[in-house]
């Protein structure tokens, strides 16, 4: 259970784990746990389409903040190394900004060098 600024609380319906598979009809998404922006940050990979939804973990040419509650710079750097180690050239749809590819980010994003 997590407290909100206004005093309310939020509980998770389910807790996702590394390599869990979420299925929506014919679409399956693999969970990649990528803490750093927040404790529970995740990326989601659709292997059939070679697509990654990176949320606020990885942006085109950068990353999002890690100074929020539960954020952690070192955890984020470890998460980025996990993404860097992936071999597929996924099309990445970040939480903000333009889409990119994993290979492009490996070449130009200073956080994946």
PDB file of N, CA and C in Angstrom:
ATOM      1  N   UNK A   1       0.840  -1.166   0.000  1.00  0.00           N
ATOM      2  CA  UNK A   1       0.000   0.000   0.000  1.00  0.00           C
ATOM      3  C   UNK A   1       0.893   1.239   0.000  1.00  0.00           C
ATOM      4  N   UNK A   2       0.563   2.228  -0.816  1.00  0.00           N
ATOM      5  CA  UNK A   2       1.343   3.452  -0.951  1.00  0.00           C
ATOM      6  C   UNK A   2       0.502   4.641  -0.521  1.00  0.00           C
ATOM      7  N   UNK A   3       1.098   5.549   0.240  1.00  0.00           N
ATOM      8  CA  UNK A   3       0.398   6.772   0.662  1.00  0.00           C
ATOM      9  C   UNK A   3       0.527   7.834  -0.404  1.00  0.00           C
ATOM     10  N   UNK A   4      -0.529   8.599  -0.584  1.00  0.00           N
ATOM     11  CA  UNK A   4      -0.534   9.727  -1.496  1.00  0.00           C
ATOM     12  C   UNK A   4      -0.341  11.006  -0.705  1.00  0.00           C
ATOM     13  N   UNK A   5       0.015  12.082  -1.385  1.00  0.00           N
ATOM     14  CA  UNK A   5       0.257  13.350  -0.720  1.00  0.00           C
ATOM     15  C   UNK A   5      -0.957  13.842   0.055  1.00  0.00           C
ATOM     16  N   UNK A   6      -2.167  13.575  -0.431  1.00  0.00           N
ATOM     17  CA  UNK A   6      -3.371  14.060   0.232  1.00  0.00           C
ATOM     18  C   UNK A   6      -3.841  13.139   1.352  1.00  0.00           C
ATOM     19  N   UNK A   7      -3.064  12.137   1.689  1.00  0.00           N
ATOM     20  CA  UNK A   7      -3.408  11.246   2.788  1.00  0.00           C
ATOM     21  C   UNK A   7      -4.107   9.974   2.374  1.00  0.00           C
ATOM     22  N   UNK A   8      -4.510   9.852   1.111  1.00  0.00           N
ATOM     23  CA  UNK A   8      -5.146   8.635   0.632  1.00  0.00           C
ATOM     24  C   UNK A   8      -4.124   7.530   0.422  1.00  0.00           C
ATOM     25  N   UNK A   9      -4.605   6.341   0.148  1.00  0.00           N
ATOM     26  CA  UNK A   9      -3.707   5.220  -0.123  1.00  0.00           C
ATOM     27  C   UNK A   9      -4.120   4.509  -1.402  1.00  0.00           C
ATOM     28  N   UNK A  10      -3.177   3.828  -1.981  1.00  0.00           N
ATOM     29  CA  UNK A  10      -3.392   3.064  -3.207  1.00  0.00           C
ATOM     30  C   UNK A  10      -2.818   1.676  -2.991  1.00  0.00           C
ATOM     31  N   UNK A  11      -3.549   0.662  -3.394  1.00  0.00           N
ATOM     32  CA  UNK A  11      -3.069  -0.713  -3.320  1.00  0.00           C
ATOM     33  C   UNK A  11      -3.016  -1.282  -4.729  1.00  0.00           C
ATOM     34  N   UNK A  12      -2.018  -2.091  -4.985  1.00  0.00           N
ATOM     35  CA  UNK A  12      -1.880  -2.730  -6.295  1.00  0.00           C
ATOM     36  C   UNK A  12      -2.872  -3.877  -6.427  1.00  0.00           C
ATOM     37  N   UNK A  13      -3.496  -3.987  -7.595  1.00  0.00           N
ATOM     38  CA  UNK A  13      -4.358  -5.138  -7.884  1.00  0.00           C
ATOM     39  C   UNK A  13      -3.513  -6.395  -8.069  1.00  0.00           C
ATOM     40  N   UNK A  14      -2.399  -6.238  -8.775  1.00  0.00           N
ATOM     41  CA  UNK A  14      -1.434  -7.324  -8.948  1.00  0.00           C
ATOM     42  C   UNK A  14      -0.040  -6.716  -8.848  1.00  0.00           C
ATOM     43  N   UNK A  15       0.922  -7.527  -8.471  1.00  0.00           N
ATOM     44  CA  UNK A  15       2.313  -7.082  -8.424  1.00  0.00           C
ATOM     45  C   UNK A  15       3.068  -7.793  -9.540  1.00  0.00           C
ATOM     46  N   UNK A  16       3.599  -7.003 -10.456  1.00  0.00           N
ATOM     47  CA  UNK A  16       4.326  -7.560 -11.589  1.00  0.00           C
ATOM     48  C   UNK A  16       5.736  -7.929 -11.174  1.00  0.00           C
ATOM     49  N   UNK A  17       6.238  -9.002 -11.772  1.00  0.00           N
ATOM     50  CA  UNK A  17       7.600  -9.450 -11.519  1.00  0.00           C
ATOM     51  C   UNK A  17       8.352  -9.550 -12.843  1.00  0.00           C
ATOM     52  N   UNK A  18       9.670  -9.512 -12.755  1.00  0.00           N
ATOM     53  CA  UNK A  18      10.540  -9.685 -13.912  1.00  0.00           C
ATOM     54  C   UNK A  18      10.109 -10.917 -14.700  1.00  0.00           C
ATOM     55  N   UNK A  19       9.980 -10.764 -16.009  1.00  0.00           N
ATOM     56  CA  UNK A  19       9.638 -11.830 -16.956  1.00  0.00           C
ATOM     57  C   UNK A  19       8.182 -12.294 -16.903  1.00  0.00           C
ATOM     58  N   UNK A  20       7.333 -11.656 -16.099  1.00  0.00           N
ATOM     59  CA  UNK A  20       5.904 -11.958 -16.182  1.00  0.00           C
ATOM     60  C   UNK A  20       5.437 -11.660 -17.593  1.00  0.00           C
ATOM     61  N   UNK A  21       4.425 -12.349 -18.042  1.00  0.00           N
ATOM     62  CA  UNK A  21       3.827 -12.121 -19.354  1.00  0.00           C
ATOM     63  C   UNK A  21       2.383 -11.657 -19.139  1.00  0.00           C
ATOM     64  N   UNK A  22       2.065 -10.496 -19.690  1.00  0.00           N
ATOM     65  CA  UNK A  22       0.704  -9.966 -19.661  1.00  0.00           C
ATOM     66  C   UNK A  22       0.100 -10.197 -21.038  1.00  0.00           C
ATOM     67  N   UNK A  23      -1.079 -10.785 -21.091  1.00  0.00           N
ATOM     68  CA  UNK A  23      -1.709 -11.097 -22.366  1.00  0.00           C
ATOM     69  C   UNK A  23      -3.003 -10.318 -22.496  1.00  0.00           C
ATOM     70  N   UNK A  24      -3.140  -9.640 -23.633  1.00  0.00           N
ATOM     71  CA  UNK A  24      -4.332  -8.872 -23.983  1.00  0.00           C
ATOM     72  C   UNK A  24      -4.794  -9.366 -25.350  1.00  0.00           C
ATOM     73  N   UNK A  25      -5.705 -10.322 -25.381  1.00  0.00           N
ATOM     74  CA  UNK A  25      -6.112 -10.908 -26.650  1.00  0.00           C
ATOM     75  C   UNK A  25      -4.921 -11.599 -27.288  1.00  0.00           C
ATOM     76  N   UNK A  26      -4.546 -11.154 -28.493  1.00  0.00           N
ATOM     77  CA  UNK A  26      -3.425 -11.759 -29.221  1.00  0.00           C
ATOM     78  C   UNK A  26      -2.087 -11.093 -28.897  1.00  0.00           C
ATOM     79  N   UNK A  27      -2.083 -10.103 -28.025  1.00  0.00           N
ATOM     80  CA  UNK A  27      -0.857  -9.365 -27.707  1.00  0.00           C
ATOM     81  C   UNK A  27      -0.326  -9.816 -26.360  1.00  0.00           C
ATOM     82  N   UNK A  28       0.963 -10.136 -26.322  1.00  0.00           N
ATOM     83  CA  UNK A  28       1.633 -10.498 -25.078  1.00  0.00           C
ATOM     84  C   UNK A  28       2.761  -9.518 -24.819  1.00  0.00           C
ATOM     85  N   UNK A  29       2.865  -9.076 -23.575  1.00  0.00           N
ATOM     86  CA  UNK A  29       3.921  -8.153 -23.165  1.00  0.00           C
ATOM     87  C   UNK A  29       4.730  -8.786 -22.044  1.00  0.00           C
ATOM     88  N   UNK A  30       6.038  -8.767 -22.210  1.00  0.00           N
ATOM     89  CA  UNK A  30       6.949  -9.282 -21.192  1.00  0.00           C
ATOM     90  C   UNK A  30       7.363  -8.127 -20.289  1.00  0.00           C
ATOM     91  N   UNK A  31       7.355  -8.367 -18.982  1.00  0.00           N
ATOM     92  CA  UNK A  31       7.709  -7.356 -17.994  1.00  0.00           C
ATOM     93  C   UNK A  31       9.220  -7.360 -17.763  1.00  0.00           C
ATOM     94  N   UNK A  32       9.823  -6.183 -17.877  1.00  0.00           N
ATOM     95  CA  UNK A  32      11.229  -5.989 -17.529  1.00  0.00           C
ATOM     96  C   UNK A  32      11.247  -4.995 -16.368  1.00  0.00           C
ATOM     97  N   UNK A  33      11.646  -5.447 -15.192  1.00  0.00           N
ATOM     98  CA  UNK A  33      11.678  -4.575 -14.016  1.00  0.00           C
ATOM     99  C   UNK A  33      12.848  -3.609 -14.157  1.00  0.00           C
ATOM    100  N   UNK A  34      12.550  -2.311 -14.184  1.00  0.00           N
ATOM    101  CA  UNK A  34      13.578  -1.286 -14.394  1.00  0.00           C
ATOM    102  C   UNK A  34      13.428  -0.179 -13.350  1.00  0.00           C
ATOM    103  N   UNK A  35      13.698  -0.483 -12.073  1.00  0.00           N
ATOM    104  CA  UNK A  35      13.575   0.541 -11.042  1.00  0.00           C
ATOM    105  C   UNK A  35      14.585   1.669 -11.245  1.00  0.00           C
ATOM    106  N   UNK A  36      14.279   2.793 -10.642  1.00  0.00           N
ATOM    107  CA  UNK A  36      15.180   3.945 -10.708  1.00  0.00           C
ATOM    108  C   UNK A  36      14.384   5.229 -10.784  1.00  0.00           C
ATOM    109  N   UNK A  37      13.529   5.354 -11.792  1.00  0.00           N
ATOM    110  CA  UNK A  37      12.630   6.506 -11.848  1.00  0.00           C
ATOM    111  C   UNK A  37      11.713   6.431 -10.628  1.00  0.00           C
ATOM    112  N   UNK A  38      11.168   5.254 -10.386  1.00  0.00           N
ATOM    113  CA  UNK A  38      10.454   4.906  -9.166  1.00  0.00           C
ATOM    114  C   UNK A  38      10.828   3.468  -8.818  1.00  0.00           C
ATOM    115  N   UNK A  39      10.453   3.019  -7.639  1.00  0.00           N
ATOM    116  CA  UNK A  39      10.779   1.649  -7.225  1.00  0.00           C
ATOM    117  C   UNK A  39      10.171   0.605  -8.143  1.00  0.00           C
ATOM    118  N   UNK A  40       8.961   0.838  -8.600  1.00  0.00           N
ATOM    119  CA  UNK A  40       8.260  -0.170  -9.385  1.00  0.00           C
ATOM    120  C   UNK A  40       8.297   0.025 -10.882  1.00  0.00           C
ATOM    121  N   UNK A  41       9.182   0.881 -11.375  1.00  0.00           N
ATOM    122  CA  UNK A  41       9.232   1.138 -12.823  1.00  0.00           C
ATOM    123  C   UNK A  41       9.459  -0.153 -13.599  1.00  0.00           C
ATOM    124  N   UNK A  42       8.769  -0.261 -14.719  1.00  0.00           N
ATOM    125  CA  UNK A  42       8.896  -1.422 -15.602  1.00  0.00           C
ATOM    126  C   UNK A  42       8.880  -0.963 -17.052  1.00  0.00           C
ATOM    127  N   UNK A  43       9.502  -1.760 -17.898  1.00  0.00           N
ATOM    128  CA  UNK A  43       9.366  -1.641 -19.342  1.00  0.00           C
ATOM    129  C   UNK A  43       8.599  -2.881 -19.791  1.00  0.00           C
ATOM    130  N   UNK A  44       7.937  -2.761 -20.911  1.00  0.00           N
ATOM    131  CA  UNK A  44       7.141  -3.860 -21.442  1.00  0.00           C
ATOM    132  C   UNK A  44       7.565  -4.128 -22.874  1.00  0.00           C
ATOM    133  N   UNK A  45       7.872  -5.391 -23.172  1.00  0.00           N
ATOM    134  CA  UNK A  45       8.341  -5.783 -24.499  1.00  0.00           C
ATOM    135  C   UNK A  45       7.316  -6.678 -25.175  1.00  0.00           C
ATOM    136  N   UNK A  46       6.982  -6.323 -26.405  1.00  0.00           N
ATOM    137  CA  UNK A  46       6.152  -7.165 -27.260  1.00  0.00           C
ATOM    138  C   UNK A  46       7.097  -7.801 -28.282  1.00  0.00           C
ATOM    139  N   UNK A  47       7.451  -9.062 -28.038  1.00  0.00           N
ATOM    140  CA  UNK A  47       8.425  -9.750 -28.898  1.00  0.00           C
ATOM    141  C   UNK A  47       7.927  -9.887 -30.327  1.00  0.00           C
ATOM    142  N   UNK A  48       6.648 -10.186 -30.519  1.00  0.00           N
ATOM    143  CA  UNK A  48       6.116 -10.387 -31.872  1.00  0.00           C
ATOM    144  C   UNK A  48       6.275  -9.152 -32.744  1.00  0.00           C
ATOM    145  N   UNK A  49       6.129  -7.993 -32.153  1.00  0.00           N
ATOM    146  CA  UNK A  49       6.205  -6.731 -32.901  1.00  0.00           C
ATOM    147  C   UNK A  49       7.570  -6.059 -32.778  1.00  0.00           C
ATOM    148  N   UNK A  50       8.455  -6.594 -31.950  1.00  0.00           N
ATOM    149  CA  UNK A  50       9.782  -6.008 -31.683  1.00  0.00           C
ATOM    150  C   UNK A  50       9.634  -4.563 -31.189  1.00  0.00           C
ATOM    151  N   UNK A  51       8.767  -4.412 -30.171  1.00  0.00           N
ATOM    152  CA  UNK A  51       8.433  -3.113 -29.618  1.00  0.00           C
ATOM    153  C   UNK A  51       8.678  -3.132 -28.115  1.00  0.00           C
ATOM    154  N   UNK A  52       9.179  -2.010 -27.588  1.00  0.00           N
ATOM    155  CA  UNK A  52       9.327  -1.825 -26.148  1.00  0.00           C
ATOM    156  C   UNK A  52       8.609  -0.546 -25.734  1.00  0.00           C
ATOM    157  N   UNK A  53       7.847  -0.644 -24.666  1.00  0.00           N
ATOM    158  CA  UNK A  53       7.254   0.528 -24.035  1.00  0.00           C
ATOM    159  C   UNK A  53       8.113   0.819 -22.812  1.00  0.00           C
ATOM    160  N   UNK A  54       8.889   1.901 -22.880  1.00  0.00           N
ATOM    161  CA  UNK A  54       9.890   2.153 -21.843  1.00  0.00           C
ATOM    162  C   UNK A  54       9.410   3.069 -20.723  1.00  0.00           C
ATOM    163  N   UNK A  55       8.198   3.577 -20.826  1.00  0.00           N
ATOM    164  CA  UNK A  55       7.700   4.450 -19.763  1.00  0.00           C
ATOM    165  C   UNK A  55       8.642   5.608 -19.514  1.00  0.00           C
ATOM    166  N   UNK A  56       8.986   5.842 -18.251  1.00  0.00           N
ATOM    167  CA  UNK A  56       9.884   6.940 -17.890  1.00  0.00           C
ATOM    168  C   UNK A  56      11.300   6.459 -17.596  1.00  0.00           C
ATOM    169  N   UNK A  57      11.610   5.217 -17.976  1.00  0.00           N
ATOM    170  CA  UNK A  57      12.966   4.699 -17.778  1.00  0.00           C
ATOM    171  C   UNK A  57      13.918   5.236 -18.841  1.00  0.00           C
ATOM    172  N   UNK A  58      13.494   5.237 -20.096  1.00  0.00           N
ATOM    173  CA  UNK A  58      14.367   5.606 -21.210  1.00  0.00           C
ATOM    174  C   UNK A  58      13.607   6.476 -22.194  1.00  0.00           C
ATOM    175  N   UNK A  59      14.188   7.613 -22.516  1.00  0.00           N
ATOM    176  CA  UNK A  59      13.636   8.535 -23.507  1.00  0.00           C
ATOM    177  C   UNK A  59      14.575   8.594 -24.706  1.00  0.00           C
ATOM    178  N   UNK A  60      14.126   9.219 -25.765  1.00  0.00           N
ATOM    179  CA  UNK A  60      14.995   9.485 -26.908  1.00  0.00           C
ATOM    180  C   UNK A  60      16.089  10.439 -26.454  1.00  0.00           C
ATOM    181  N   UNK A  61      17.312   9.955 -26.406  1.00  0.00           N
ATOM    182  CA  UNK A  61      18.457  10.779 -26.025  1.00  0.00           C
ATOM    183  C   UNK A  61      18.604  11.056 -24.550  1.00  0.00           C
ATOM    184  N   UNK A  62      17.808  10.435 -23.696  1.00  0.00           N
ATOM    185  CA  UNK A  62      17.914  10.732 -22.272  1.00  0.00           C
ATOM    186  C   UNK A  62      17.116   9.785 -21.399  1.00  0.00           C
ATOM    187  N   UNK A  63      16.912  10.237 -20.164  1.00  0.00           N
ATOM    188  CA  UNK A  63      16.154   9.493 -19.171  1.00  0.00           C
ATOM    189  C   UNK A  63      15.265  10.486 -18.423  1.00  0.00           C
ATOM    190  N   UNK A  64      14.371   9.960 -17.607  1.00  0.00           N
ATOM    191  CA  UNK A  64      13.539  10.836 -16.788  1.00  0.00           C
ATOM    192  C   UNK A  64      14.176  11.016 -15.412  1.00  0.00           C
ATOM    193  N   UNK A  65      13.522  11.776 -14.589  1.00  0.00           N
ATOM    194  CA  UNK A  65      14.028  12.119 -13.269  1.00  0.00           C
ATOM    195  C   UNK A  65      14.096  10.905 -12.354  1.00  0.00           C
ATOM    196  N   UNK A  66      14.943  10.999 -11.345  1.00  0.00           N
ATOM    197  CA  UNK A  66      15.080   9.947 -10.339  1.00  0.00           C
ATOM    198  C   UNK A  66      15.064  10.553  -8.937  1.00  0.00           C
ATOM    199  N   UNK A  67      14.644  11.821  -8.838  1.00  0.00           N
ATOM    200  CA  UNK A  67      14.634  12.506  -7.542  1.00  0.00           C
ATOM    201  C   UNK A  67      13.262  12.504  -6.880  1.00  0.00           C
ATOM    202  N   UNK A  68      12.306  11.768  -7.444  1.00  0.00           N
ATOM    203  CA  UNK A  68      11.002  11.618  -6.809  1.00  0.00           C
ATOM    204  C   UNK A  68      11.096  10.589  -5.688  1.00  0.00           C
ATOM    205  N   UNK A  69      10.027  10.506  -4.883  1.00  0.00           N
ATOM    206  CA  UNK A  69       9.960   9.478  -3.844  1.00  0.00           C
ATOM    207  C   UNK A  69      10.150   8.101  -4.500  1.00  0.00           C
ATOM    208  N   UNK A  70      11.061   7.329  -3.982  1.00  0.00           N
ATOM    209  CA  UNK A  70      11.317   5.997  -4.521  1.00  0.00           C
ATOM    210  C   UNK A  70      12.283   5.968  -5.687  1.00  0.00           C
ATOM    211  N   UNK A  71      12.696   7.139  -6.183  1.00  0.00           N
ATOM    212  CA  UNK A  71      13.674   7.189  -7.262  1.00  0.00           C
ATOM    213  C   UNK A  71      15.072   6.915  -6.732  1.00  0.00           C
ATOM    214  N   UNK A  72      15.933   6.413  -7.611  1.00  0.00           N
ATOM    215  CA  UNK A  72      17.283   6.074  -7.179  1.00  0.00           C
ATOM    216  C   UNK A  72      18.198   6.054  -8.405  1.00  0.00           C
ATOM    217  N   UNK A  73      19.172   6.943  -8.430  1.00  0.00           N
ATOM    218  CA  UNK A  73      20.081   7.067  -9.575  1.00  0.00           C
ATOM    219  C   UNK A  73      20.804   5.752  -9.865  1.00  0.00           C
ATOM    220  N   UNK A  74      21.374   5.126  -8.837  1.00  0.00           N
ATOM    221  CA  UNK A  74      22.144   3.892  -9.063  1.00  0.00           C
ATOM    222  C   UNK A  74      21.258   2.769  -9.595  1.00  0.00           C
ATOM    223  N   UNK A  75      20.059   2.651  -9.070  1.00  0.00           N
ATOM    224  CA  UNK A  75      19.125   1.628  -9.572  1.00  0.00           C
ATOM    225  C   UNK A  75      18.764   1.908 -11.025  1.00  0.00           C
ATOM    226  N   UNK A  76      18.576   3.192 -11.365  1.00  0.00           N
ATOM    227  CA  UNK A  76      18.250   3.541 -12.748  1.00  0.00           C
ATOM    228  C   UNK A  76      19.402   3.191 -13.684  1.00  0.00           C
ATOM    229  N   UNK A  77      20.645   3.466 -13.265  1.00  0.00           N
ATOM    230  CA  UNK A  77      21.793   3.126 -14.108  1.00  0.00           C
ATOM    231  C   UNK A  77      21.885   1.617 -14.323  1.00  0.00           C
ATOM    232  N   UNK A  78      21.586   0.822 -13.287  1.00  0.00           N
ATOM    233  CA  UNK A  78      21.570  -0.639 -13.437  1.00  0.00           C
ATOM    234  C   UNK A  78      20.460  -1.074 -14.395  1.00  0.00           C
ATOM    235  N   UNK A  79      19.315  -0.431 -14.294  1.00  0.00           N
ATOM    236  CA  UNK A  79      18.202  -0.755 -15.199  1.00  0.00           C
ATOM    237  C   UNK A  79      18.562  -0.444 -16.640  1.00  0.00           C
ATOM    238  N   UNK A  80      19.239   0.669 -16.861  1.00  0.00           N
ATOM    239  CA  UNK A  80      19.648   1.046 -18.218  1.00  0.00           C
ATOM    240  C   UNK A  80      20.668   0.062 -18.776  1.00  0.00           C
ATOM    241  N   UNK A  81      21.551  -0.454 -17.923  1.00  0.00           N
ATOM    242  CA  UNK A  81      22.501  -1.465 -18.381  1.00  0.00           C
ATOM    243  C   UNK A  81      21.770  -2.747 -18.779  1.00  0.00           C
ATOM    244  N   UNK A  82      20.685  -3.058 -18.069  1.00  0.00           N
ATOM    245  CA  UNK A  82      19.865  -4.223 -18.424  1.00  0.00           C
ATOM    246  C   UNK A  82      19.276  -4.034 -19.824  1.00  0.00           C
ATOM    247  N   UNK A  83      18.755  -2.832 -20.089  1.00  0.00           N
ATOM    248  CA  UNK A  83      18.196  -2.560 -21.419  1.00  0.00           C
ATOM    249  C   UNK A  83      19.289  -2.574 -22.480  1.00  0.00           C
ATOM    250  N   UNK A  84      20.441  -2.030 -22.149  1.00  0.00           N
ATOM    251  CA  UNK A  84      21.560  -2.010 -23.094  1.00  0.00           C
ATOM    252  C   UNK A  84      21.996  -3.429 -23.477  1.00  0.00           C
ATOM    253  N   UNK A  85      21.838  -4.375 -22.574  1.00  0.00           N
ATOM    254  CA  UNK A  85      22.282  -5.753 -22.840  1.00  0.00           C
ATOM    255  C   UNK A  85      21.329  -6.522 -23.753  1.00  0.00           C
ATOM    256  N   UNK A  86      20.151  -5.977 -24.015  1.00  0.00           N
ATOM    257  CA  UNK A  86      19.210  -6.655 -24.916  1.00  0.00           C
ATOM    258  C   UNK A  86      19.758  -6.668 -26.330  1.00  0.00           C
ATOM    259  N   UNK A  87      19.573  -7.768 -27.042  1.00  0.00           N
ATOM    260  CA  UNK A  87      20.140  -7.923 -28.376  1.00  0.00           C
ATOM    261  C   UNK A  87      19.235  -7.451 -29.506  1.00  0.00           C
ATOM    262  N   UNK A  88      17.931  -7.461 -29.289  1.00  0.00           N
ATOM    263  CA  UNK A  88      16.997  -7.044 -30.341  1.00  0.00           C
ATOM    264  C   UNK A  88      17.010  -5.530 -30.508  1.00  0.00           C
ATOM    265  N   UNK A  89      16.743  -5.075 -31.714  1.00  0.00           N
ATOM    266  CA  UNK A  89      16.624  -3.640 -31.983  1.00  0.00           C
ATOM    267  C   UNK A  89      15.151  -3.248 -31.907  1.00  0.00           C
ATOM    268  N   UNK A  90      14.647  -3.155 -30.686  1.00  0.00           N
ATOM    269  CA  UNK A  90      13.242  -2.821 -30.484  1.00  0.00           C
ATOM    270  C   UNK A  90      12.958  -1.378 -30.879  1.00  0.00           C
ATOM    271  N   UNK A  91      11.777  -1.143 -31.423  1.00  0.00           N
ATOM    272  CA  UNK A  91      11.261   0.215 -31.532  1.00  0.00           C
ATOM    273  C   UNK A  91      10.782   0.575 -30.141  1.00  0.00           C
ATOM    274  N   UNK A  92      11.229   1.717 -29.640  1.00  0.00           N
ATOM    275  CA  UNK A  92      10.923   2.131 -28.271  1.00  0.00           C
ATOM    276  C   UNK A  92       9.898   3.253 -28.291  1.00  0.00           C
ATOM    277  N   UNK A  93       8.859   3.047 -27.505  1.00  0.00           N
ATOM    278  CA  UNK A  93       7.848   4.072 -27.288  1.00  0.00           C
ATOM    279  C   UNK A  93       7.966   4.517 -25.837  1.00  0.00           C
ATOM    280  N   UNK A  94       8.593   5.677 -25.607  1.00  0.00           N
ATOM    281  CA  UNK A  94       8.787   6.152 -24.229  1.00  0.00           C
ATOM    282  C   UNK A  94       7.524   6.796 -23.668  1.00  0.00           C
ATOM    283  N   UNK A  95       7.555   7.084 -22.375  1.00  0.00           N
ATOM    284  CA  UNK A  95       6.432   7.730 -21.718  1.00  0.00           C
ATOM    285  C   UNK A  95       6.225   9.165 -22.162  1.00  0.00           C
ATOM    286  N   UNK A  96       7.263   9.788 -22.700  1.00  0.00           N
ATOM    287  CA  UNK A  96       7.203  11.166 -23.197  1.00  0.00           C
ATOM    288  C   UNK A  96       8.082  11.277 -24.432  1.00  0.00           C
ATOM    289  N   UNK A  97       7.711  12.133 -25.351  1.00  0.00           N
ATOM    290  CA  UNK A  97       8.557  12.426 -26.496  1.00  0.00           C
ATOM    291  C   UNK A  97       8.429  11.438 -27.635  1.00  0.00           C
ATOM    292  N   UNK A  98       9.382  11.560 -28.564  1.00  0.00           N
ATOM    293  CA  UNK A  98       9.364  10.782 -29.801  1.00  0.00           C
ATOM    294  C   UNK A  98       9.807   9.344 -29.579  1.00  0.00           C
ATOM    295  N   UNK A  99       9.331   8.456 -30.463  1.00  0.00           N
ATOM    296  CA  UNK A  99       9.807   7.079 -30.423  1.00  0.00           C
ATOM    297  C   UNK A  99      11.226   7.023 -30.971  1.00  0.00           C
ATOM    298  N   UNK A 100      11.899   5.916 -30.729  1.00  0.00           N
ATOM    299  CA  UNK A 100      13.285   5.720 -31.118  1.00  0.00           C
ATOM    300  C   UNK A 100      13.501   4.221 -31.292  1.00  0.00           C
ATOM    301  N   UNK A 101      14.730   3.805 -31.443  1.00  0.00           N
ATOM    302  CA  UNK A 101      15.059   2.378 -31.459  1.00  0.00           C
ATOM    303  C   UNK A 101      16.148   2.118 -30.429  1.00  0.00           C
ATOM    304  N   UNK A 102      16.230   0.893 -29.985  1.00  0.00           N
ATOM    305  CA  UNK A 102      17.244   0.547 -28.995  1.00  0.00           C
ATOM    306  C   UNK A 102      18.643   0.732 -29.572  1.00  0.00           C
ATOM    307  N   UNK A 103      18.852   0.344 -30.828  1.00  0.00           N
ATOM    308  CA  UNK A 103      20.184   0.527 -31.419  1.00  0.00           C
ATOM    309  C   UNK A 103      20.567   2.000 -31.508  1.00  0.00           C
ATOM    310  N   UNK A 104      19.623   2.875 -31.872  1.00  0.00           N
ATOM    311  CA  UNK A 104      19.914   4.314 -31.904  1.00  0.00           C
ATOM    312  C   UNK A 104      20.299   4.818 -30.521  1.00  0.00           C
ATOM    313  N   UNK A 105      19.578   4.369 -29.503  1.00  0.00           N
ATOM    314  CA  UNK A 105      19.883   4.826 -28.147  1.00  0.00           C
ATOM    315  C   UNK A 105      21.221   4.300 -27.658  1.00  0.00           C
ATOM    316  N   UNK A 106      21.583   3.097 -28.054  1.00  0.00           N
ATOM    317  CA  UNK A 106      22.894   2.554 -27.676  1.00  0.00           C
ATOM    318  C   UNK A 106      24.020   3.388 -28.287  1.00  0.00           C
ATOM    319  N   UNK A 107      23.762   3.976 -29.460  1.00  0.00           N
ATOM    320  CA  UNK A 107      24.802   4.776 -30.129  1.00  0.00           C
ATOM    321  C   UNK A 107      24.857   6.210 -29.631  1.00  0.00           C
ATOM    322  N   UNK A 108      23.705   6.825 -29.267  1.00  0.00           N
ATOM    323  CA  UNK A 108      23.737   8.256 -28.998  1.00  0.00           C
ATOM    324  C   UNK A 108      23.292   8.677 -27.602  1.00  0.00           C
ATOM    325  N   UNK A 109      22.610   7.817 -26.883  1.00  0.00           N
ATOM    326  CA  UNK A 109      22.131   8.193 -25.551  1.00  0.00           C
ATOM    327  C   UNK A 109      23.280   8.078 -24.561  1.00  0.00           C
ATOM    328  N   UNK A 110      23.681   9.169 -23.911  1.00  0.00           N
ATOM    329  CA  UNK A 110      24.827   9.117 -23.002  1.00  0.00           C
ATOM    330  C   UNK A 110      24.617   8.171 -21.821  1.00  0.00           C
ATOM    331  N   UNK A 111      23.392   7.838 -21.494  1.00  0.00           N
ATOM    332  CA  UNK A 111      23.127   6.944 -20.379  1.00  0.00           C
ATOM    333  C   UNK A 111      23.216   5.468 -20.748  1.00  0.00           C
ATOM    334  N   UNK A 112      23.351   5.173 -22.036  1.00  0.00           N
ATOM    335  CA  UNK A 112      23.516   3.789 -22.476  1.00  0.00           C
ATOM    336  C   UNK A 112      24.909   3.507 -23.006  1.00  0.00           C
ATOM    337  N   UNK A 113      25.821   4.420 -22.823  1.00  0.00           N
ATOM    338  CA  UNK A 113      27.189   4.234 -23.319  1.00  0.00           C
ATOM    339  C   UNK A 113      28.002   3.376 -22.369  1.00  0.00           C
TER     340      UNK A 113
END
